[in-house]
Protein backbone atom coordinates (compact mmCIF):
# COMPACT_ATOMS: atom_id res chain seq x y z
CA MET A 1 22.69 -21.79 7.71
CA PHE A 2 20.65 -21.57 4.51
CA SER A 3 17.65 -20.58 6.52
CA LEU A 4 19.48 -17.72 8.22
CA LEU A 5 20.79 -16.57 4.82
CA ILE A 6 17.20 -16.40 3.60
CA ASP A 7 16.14 -14.48 6.57
CA TYR A 8 18.71 -11.78 6.07
CA ALA A 9 18.00 -11.63 2.51
CA THR A 10 14.38 -11.08 3.10
CA LEU A 11 15.27 -8.35 5.56
CA ILE A 12 17.50 -6.57 2.91
CA SER A 13 14.61 -6.92 0.42
CA TYR A 14 12.33 -5.04 2.73
CA ILE A 15 14.93 -2.40 3.15
CA ALA A 16 15.11 -2.17 -0.57
CA PHE A 17 11.28 -1.72 -0.83
CA SER A 18 11.38 0.88 1.89
CA LEU A 19 14.33 2.97 0.26
CA ASP A 20 12.29 3.14 -2.99
CA LEU A 21 9.27 4.58 -0.99
CA ILE A 22 11.51 6.83 0.84
CA SER A 23 12.77 8.33 -2.42
CA GLN A 24 9.06 8.91 -3.41
CA ILE A 25 8.36 10.63 -0.16
CA LEU A 26 11.39 13.00 -0.67
CA ARG A 27 10.15 13.76 -4.15
CA ILE A 28 6.72 14.54 -2.88
CA HIS A 29 8.20 16.84 -0.23
CA LYS A 30 10.38 18.66 -2.56
CA ARG A 31 7.86 19.33 -5.17
CA LYS A 32 5.20 20.06 -2.36
CA SER A 33 2.63 18.15 -4.53
CA SER A 34 1.34 14.63 -4.65
CA LEU A 35 -1.40 15.05 -7.24
CA ASP A 36 0.26 12.46 -9.62
CA VAL A 37 0.17 9.72 -6.88
CA SER A 38 -2.85 7.48 -6.27
CA LEU A 39 -4.30 8.10 -2.80
CA ARG A 40 -6.45 5.22 -3.09
CA GLY A 41 -3.79 2.68 -4.30
CA THR A 42 -1.57 3.88 -1.41
CA ALA A 43 -4.33 3.44 1.17
CA PHE A 44 -4.88 -0.09 -0.26
CA ARG A 45 -1.17 -0.71 0.12
CA LEU A 46 -1.25 0.15 3.65
CA ILE A 47 -4.12 -1.99 4.46
CA ALA A 48 -2.55 -4.99 2.68
CA SER A 49 0.85 -4.37 4.40
CA SER A 50 -0.94 -4.26 7.87
CA ILE A 51 -2.78 -7.55 7.15
CA ILE A 52 0.52 -9.18 6.09
CA LEU A 53 2.14 -7.87 9.15
CA LEU A 54 -0.60 -9.40 11.39
CA LYS A 55 -0.12 -12.75 9.64
CA PHE A 56 3.76 -12.58 10.36
CA ILE A 57 3.06 -11.63 14.09
CA ASN A 58 0.77 -14.89 14.18
CA LEU A 59 3.64 -16.94 12.68
CA ARG A 60 6.14 -15.35 15.16
CA ASP A 61 8.85 -14.91 12.67
CA ASN A 62 10.89 -12.10 13.85
CA PHE A 63 12.66 -11.29 10.60
CA LEU A 64 9.33 -11.06 8.71
CA ILE A 65 7.85 -8.95 11.44
CA LEU A 66 10.74 -6.41 11.54
CA GLY A 67 10.76 -6.14 7.71
CA GLN A 68 6.96 -5.89 7.36
CA THR A 69 6.79 -3.38 10.20
CA LEU A 70 9.62 -1.24 8.42
CA LEU A 71 7.44 -1.47 5.12
CA ALA A 72 4.09 -0.70 6.72
CA LEU A 73 5.62 2.41 8.65
CA THR A 74 7.19 3.56 5.33
CA VAL A 75 3.91 3.12 3.47
CA ALA A 76 2.08 4.96 6.33
CA THR A 77 4.40 7.89 6.12
CA TYR A 78 3.93 7.73 2.27
CA LEU A 79 0.28 8.01 2.68
CA ILE A 80 0.47 10.89 5.24
CA MET A 81 2.70 12.76 2.67
CA ILE A 82 0.28 12.31 -0.10
CA ILE A 83 -2.62 13.60 2.06
CA ILE A 84 -0.60 16.65 3.17
CA TYR A 85 0.50 17.64 -0.29
CA ARG A 86 -2.62 16.69 -2.02
CA LYS A 87 -3.25 20.29 -3.32
CA PRO A 88 -0.57 22.08 -4.93
CA ARG A 89 1.08 24.82 -2.66
CA LYS A 90 0.86 28.40 -3.85
CA ASN A 91 4.20 30.39 -3.83
CA LYS A 92 4.28 33.42 -1.66
CA ASN A 93 6.38 35.53 -4.09
């Protein structure tokens, strides 16, 4: 019972991390700029997330695999948005 509670709490924690990143993704999209975000730091975060995901796959822990997959995909999306909006867009007014 306690183990199942910890599994679900872990999954909820991953969702919370992802929601924070999603808010950052939406902020970048709204401002059309990512100049204040570290491209290198986010790339390292994606590499680290992917390595941790591989470890969880090796452990065969479905809750950790699901949560880490969600986090890695969110970080990948964040990195893509940083790259797309690296240069400020000029208004066509």
